């Protein structure tokens, strides 16, 4: 009986040793996963509405995070950075440096931008809404930029 147990244990060890580690590109790749809400009030001096966003990422050499900015959120109305985040260095596990996972972060509401010349972040009268769309990408420590994902449109109340 002991010989059979030893044989089974040896087979299990061999099979577990043959598990393939994931192979991802050295350039990070991201996917949109979720957003907590798609309606927000514009930012004011005393109030900042926000939504929580989650993205999935893959990186072949595992150099996501650290001291440099890693996550970039762009306001498509202006093309400029709305916000940037640092992500903690992600520890490498297993024999490969490839990593994958999710990153969740808040995005604060922006200001309404008016075609009439009205000062941004001021309430409109009557109250109007604007569509706000954010693009997101990440960079690894080597400077490789991921693909860009576009979040679902957010309805921004200009009150």
C-alpha atoms as a PDB file:
ATOM      1  CA  UNK A   1       0.000   0.000   0.000  1.00  0.00           C
ATOM      2  CA  UNK A   2       2.879   2.368   0.807  1.00  0.00           C
ATOM      3  CA  UNK A   3       4.317   1.871  -2.710  1.00  0.00           C
ATOM      4  CA  UNK A   4       1.024   2.992  -4.265  1.00  0.00           C
ATOM      5  CA  UNK A   5       0.853   6.092  -2.091  1.00  0.00           C
ATOM      6  CA  UNK A   6       4.430   6.973  -3.000  1.00  0.00           C
ATOM      7  CA  UNK A   7       3.615   6.447  -6.702  1.00  0.00           C
ATOM      8  CA  UNK A   8       0.506   8.667  -6.465  1.00  0.00           C
ATOM      9  CA  UNK A   9       2.457  11.380  -4.639  1.00  0.00           C
ATOM     10  CA  UNK A  10       5.220  11.242  -7.285  1.00  0.00           C
ATOM     11  CA  UNK A  11       2.670  11.523 -10.122  1.00  0.00           C
ATOM     12  CA  UNK A  12       0.951  14.467  -8.432  1.00  0.00           C
ATOM     13  CA  UNK A  13       4.290  16.232  -7.996  1.00  0.00           C
ATOM     14  CA  UNK A  14       5.160  15.728 -11.663  1.00  0.00           C
ATOM     15  CA  UNK A  15       1.762  16.996 -12.831  1.00  0.00           C
ATOM     16  CA  UNK A  16       1.916  20.073 -10.601  1.00  0.00           C
ATOM     17  CA  UNK A  17       5.428  20.809 -11.864  1.00  0.00           C
ATOM     18  CA  UNK A  18       4.106  20.859 -15.423  1.00  0.00           C
ATOM     19  CA  UNK A  19       1.628  23.690 -14.839  1.00  0.00           C
ATOM     20  CA  UNK A  20       2.390  26.413 -17.377  1.00  0.00           C
ATOM     21  CA  UNK A  21       3.039  29.884 -16.048  1.00  0.00           C
ATOM     22  CA  UNK A  22       1.150  32.581 -17.959  1.00  0.00           C
ATOM     23  CA  UNK A  23       2.995  34.332 -20.757  1.00  0.00           C
ATOM     24  CA  UNK A  24       1.952  37.923 -21.334  1.00  0.00           C
ATOM     25  CA  UNK A  25       3.436  40.661 -23.474  1.00  0.00           C
ATOM     26  CA  UNK A  26       6.072  42.919 -21.900  1.00  0.00           C
ATOM     27  CA  UNK A  27       3.730  45.785 -22.827  1.00  0.00           C
ATOM     28  CA  UNK A  28       0.927  45.936 -20.243  1.00  0.00           C
ATOM     29  CA  UNK A  29      -2.633  45.220 -21.352  1.00  0.00           C
ATOM     30  CA  UNK A  30      -5.768  46.400 -19.570  1.00  0.00           C
ATOM     31  CA  UNK A  31      -9.510  45.720 -19.709  1.00  0.00           C
ATOM     32  CA  UNK A  32     -12.383  47.671 -18.202  1.00  0.00           C
ATOM     33  CA  UNK A  33     -14.139  45.720 -15.447  1.00  0.00           C
ATOM     34  CA  UNK A  34     -16.541  48.025 -13.583  1.00  0.00           C
ATOM     35  CA  UNK A  35     -17.571  51.513 -12.570  1.00  0.00           C
ATOM     36  CA  UNK A  36     -19.635  52.180  -9.455  1.00  0.00           C
ATOM     37  CA  UNK A  37     -21.861  54.904 -10.921  1.00  0.00           C
ATOM     38  CA  UNK A  38     -22.391  56.795 -14.138  1.00  0.00           C
ATOM     39  CA  UNK A  39     -24.147  59.878 -12.765  1.00  0.00           C
ATOM     40  CA  UNK A  40     -22.279  62.511 -10.758  1.00  0.00           C
ATOM     41  CA  UNK A  41     -22.578  66.133  -9.713  1.00  0.00           C
ATOM     42  CA  UNK A  42     -19.858  68.447 -10.974  1.00  0.00           C
ATOM     43  CA  UNK A  43     -17.035  69.303  -8.616  1.00  0.00           C
ATOM     44  CA  UNK A  44     -17.333  72.441  -6.513  1.00  0.00           C
ATOM     45  CA  UNK A  45     -15.118  74.081  -3.921  1.00  0.00           C
ATOM     46  CA  UNK A  46     -17.016  72.329  -1.129  1.00  0.00           C
ATOM     47  CA  UNK A  47     -18.090  69.035  -2.759  1.00  0.00           C
ATOM     48  CA  UNK A  48     -16.383  66.332  -4.795  1.00  0.00           C
ATOM     49  CA  UNK A  49     -18.511  63.488  -6.116  1.00  0.00           C
ATOM     50  CA  UNK A  50     -16.638  60.368  -7.228  1.00  0.00           C
ATOM     51  CA  UNK A  51     -16.995  56.964  -8.822  1.00  0.00           C
ATOM     52  CA  UNK A  52     -14.952  53.810  -8.193  1.00  0.00           C
ATOM     53  CA  UNK A  53     -13.410  52.188 -11.264  1.00  0.00           C
ATOM     54  CA  UNK A  54     -11.849  48.738 -11.608  1.00  0.00           C
ATOM     55  CA  UNK A  55      -9.586  47.587 -14.434  1.00  0.00           C
ATOM     56  CA  UNK A  56      -7.916  44.225 -15.096  1.00  0.00           C
ATOM     57  CA  UNK A  57      -4.244  44.203 -16.126  1.00  0.00           C
ATOM     58  CA  UNK A  58      -1.611  41.801 -17.459  1.00  0.00           C
ATOM     59  CA  UNK A  59       2.139  42.437 -17.714  1.00  0.00           C
ATOM     60  CA  UNK A  60       4.765  39.959 -18.903  1.00  0.00           C
ATOM     61  CA  UNK A  61       7.721  41.252 -16.914  1.00  0.00           C
ATOM     62  CA  UNK A  62       5.856  42.252 -13.762  1.00  0.00           C
ATOM     63  CA  UNK A  63       7.140  45.800 -13.535  1.00  0.00           C
ATOM     64  CA  UNK A  64       3.852  47.495 -12.695  1.00  0.00           C
ATOM     65  CA  UNK A  65       3.828  49.974  -9.828  1.00  0.00           C
ATOM     66  CA  UNK A  66       6.522  51.494  -7.697  1.00  0.00           C
ATOM     67  CA  UNK A  67       7.621  55.092  -7.292  1.00  0.00           C
ATOM     68  CA  UNK A  68       6.474  56.389 -10.672  1.00  0.00           C
ATOM     69  CA  UNK A  69       2.934  57.174 -11.781  1.00  0.00           C
ATOM     70  CA  UNK A  70       1.239  54.045 -13.107  1.00  0.00           C
ATOM     71  CA  UNK A  71      -2.437  54.769 -13.876  1.00  0.00           C
ATOM     72  CA  UNK A  72      -3.495  57.682 -16.055  1.00  0.00           C
ATOM     73  CA  UNK A  73      -7.069  58.939 -16.450  1.00  0.00           C
ATOM     74  CA  UNK A  74      -7.740  61.338 -19.339  1.00  0.00           C
ATOM     75  CA  UNK A  75     -10.735  63.633 -19.727  1.00  0.00           C
ATOM     76  CA  UNK A  76     -11.708  63.169 -23.394  1.00  0.00           C
ATOM     77  CA  UNK A  77     -13.268  66.662 -23.502  1.00  0.00           C
ATOM     78  CA  UNK A  78      -9.881  68.301 -22.995  1.00  0.00           C
ATOM     79  CA  UNK A  79      -7.443  65.479 -23.837  1.00  0.00           C
ATOM     80  CA  UNK A  80      -5.531  66.240 -20.639  1.00  0.00           C
ATOM     81  CA  UNK A  81      -4.854  64.155 -17.567  1.00  0.00           C
ATOM     82  CA  UNK A  82      -7.760  64.294 -15.177  1.00  0.00           C
ATOM     83  CA  UNK A  83      -5.828  62.363 -12.550  1.00  0.00           C
ATOM     84  CA  UNK A  84      -2.842  60.026 -12.217  1.00  0.00           C
ATOM     85  CA  UNK A  85      -2.119  57.379  -9.584  1.00  0.00           C
ATOM     86  CA  UNK A  86       0.797  55.413  -8.242  1.00  0.00           C
ATOM     87  CA  UNK A  87       0.307  51.693  -7.713  1.00  0.00           C
ATOM     88  CA  UNK A  88       2.324  49.795  -5.124  1.00  0.00           C
ATOM     89  CA  UNK A  89       4.931  47.432  -6.560  1.00  0.00           C
ATOM     90  CA  UNK A  90       3.355  44.059  -7.117  1.00  0.00           C
ATOM     91  CA  UNK A  91       5.394  41.141  -5.754  1.00  0.00           C
ATOM     92  CA  UNK A  92       6.366  38.421  -8.216  1.00  0.00           C
ATOM     93  CA  UNK A  93       5.092  34.947  -7.372  1.00  0.00           C
ATOM     94  CA  UNK A  94       6.117  31.689  -9.026  1.00  0.00           C
ATOM     95  CA  UNK A  95       8.850  31.091 -11.577  1.00  0.00           C
ATOM     96  CA  UNK A  96       7.649  33.673 -14.103  1.00  0.00           C
ATOM     97  CA  UNK A  97       7.621  37.439 -13.754  1.00  0.00           C
ATOM     98  CA  UNK A  98       4.242  37.618 -15.521  1.00  0.00           C
ATOM     99  CA  UNK A  99       1.524  39.197 -13.390  1.00  0.00           C
ATOM    100  CA  UNK A 100      -2.163  39.917 -13.716  1.00  0.00           C
ATOM    101  CA  UNK A 101      -4.838  41.282 -11.439  1.00  0.00           C
ATOM    102  CA  UNK A 102      -7.209  44.154 -10.864  1.00  0.00           C
ATOM    103  CA  UNK A 103      -6.659  47.749  -9.827  1.00  0.00           C
ATOM    104  CA  UNK A 104      -9.500  49.754  -8.254  1.00  0.00           C
ATOM    105  CA  UNK A 105      -9.348  53.505  -7.778  1.00  0.00           C
ATOM    106  CA  UNK A 106     -11.658  56.487  -7.309  1.00  0.00           C
ATOM    107  CA  UNK A 107     -12.176  59.110  -9.979  1.00  0.00           C
ATOM    108  CA  UNK A 108     -13.464  62.440  -8.717  1.00  0.00           C
ATOM    109  CA  UNK A 109     -16.058  64.299 -10.732  1.00  0.00           C
ATOM    110  CA  UNK A 110     -14.804  67.023 -13.016  1.00  0.00           C
ATOM    111  CA  UNK A 111     -16.249  70.433 -13.739  1.00  0.00           C
ATOM    112  CA  UNK A 112     -18.763  71.221 -16.402  1.00  0.00           C
ATOM    113  CA  UNK A 113     -17.212  73.008 -19.375  1.00  0.00           C
ATOM    114  CA  UNK A 114     -19.517  75.545 -21.008  1.00  0.00           C
ATOM    115  CA  UNK A 115     -19.561  76.601 -24.666  1.00  0.00           C
ATOM    116  CA  UNK A 116     -21.054  79.951 -23.638  1.00  0.00           C
ATOM    117  CA  UNK A 117     -17.923  81.163 -21.870  1.00  0.00           C
ATOM    118  CA  UNK A 118     -19.408  80.606 -18.420  1.00  0.00           C
ATOM    119  CA  UNK A 119     -16.727  79.844 -15.858  1.00  0.00           C
ATOM    120  CA  UNK A 120     -16.216  76.069 -15.396  1.00  0.00           C
ATOM    121  CA  UNK A 121     -17.386  74.585 -12.072  1.00  0.00           C
ATOM    122  CA  UNK A 122     -20.102  77.194 -11.646  1.00  0.00           C
ATOM    123  CA  UNK A 123     -23.745  76.102 -11.489  1.00  0.00           C
ATOM    124  CA  UNK A 124     -25.800  76.439 -14.634  1.00  0.00           C
ATOM    125  CA  UNK A 125     -29.229  77.994 -14.543  1.00  0.00           C
ATOM    126  CA  UNK A 126     -31.273  76.128 -15.564  1.00  0.00           C
ATOM    127  CA  UNK A 127     -29.385  73.010 -14.479  1.00  0.00           C
ATOM    128  CA  UNK A 128     -28.044  71.098 -17.469  1.00  0.00           C
ATOM    129  CA  UNK A 129     -26.144  67.849 -17.834  1.00  0.00           C
ATOM    130  CA  UNK A 130     -23.037  67.046 -19.815  1.00  0.00           C
ATOM    131  CA  UNK A 131     -21.560  63.778 -20.970  1.00  0.00           C
ATOM    132  CA  UNK A 132     -18.142  63.062 -19.511  1.00  0.00           C
ATOM    133  CA  UNK A 133     -15.985  60.235 -20.863  1.00  0.00           C
ATOM    134  CA  UNK A 134     -12.666  59.128 -19.418  1.00  0.00           C
ATOM    135  CA  UNK A 135      -9.894  57.148 -21.134  1.00  0.00           C
ATOM    136  CA  UNK A 136      -7.535  55.079 -18.979  1.00  0.00           C
ATOM    137  CA  UNK A 137      -4.119  53.566 -19.598  1.00  0.00           C
ATOM    138  CA  UNK A 138      -1.250  52.312 -17.455  1.00  0.00           C
ATOM    139  CA  UNK A 139       2.531  52.490 -17.774  1.00  0.00           C
ATOM    140  CA  UNK A 140       5.036  50.067 -16.343  1.00  0.00           C
ATOM    141  CA  UNK A 141       8.392  51.065 -14.846  1.00  0.00           C
ATOM    142  CA  UNK A 142      10.118  50.522 -18.216  1.00  0.00           C
ATOM    143  CA  UNK A 143       7.814  53.166 -19.718  1.00  0.00           C
ATOM    144  CA  UNK A 144       5.719  50.716 -21.767  1.00  0.00           C
ATOM    145  CA  UNK A 145       2.210  52.117 -22.212  1.00  0.00           C
ATOM    146  CA  UNK A 146      -0.800  49.819 -22.259  1.00  0.00           C
ATOM    147  CA  UNK A 147      -3.733  49.998 -24.583  1.00  0.00           C
ATOM    148  CA  UNK A 148      -6.319  52.674 -23.800  1.00  0.00           C
ATOM    149  CA  UNK A 149      -9.751  51.724 -22.484  1.00  0.00           C
ATOM    150  CA  UNK A 150     -12.715  54.069 -22.565  1.00  0.00           C
ATOM    151  CA  UNK A 151     -15.051  54.126 -19.598  1.00  0.00           C
ATOM    152  CA  UNK A 152     -18.821  54.245 -20.037  1.00  0.00           C
ATOM    153  CA  UNK A 153     -20.127  57.795 -20.357  1.00  0.00           C
ATOM    154  CA  UNK A 154     -20.821  59.623 -17.090  1.00  0.00           C
ATOM    155  CA  UNK A 155     -23.690  62.088 -16.906  1.00  0.00           C
ATOM    156  CA  UNK A 156     -22.392  65.164 -15.130  1.00  0.00           C
ATOM    157  CA  UNK A 157     -24.996  67.416 -13.502  1.00  0.00           C
ATOM    158  CA  UNK A 158     -23.941  71.050 -13.757  1.00  0.00           C
ATOM    159  CA  UNK A 159     -25.672  72.255 -10.597  1.00  0.00           C
END
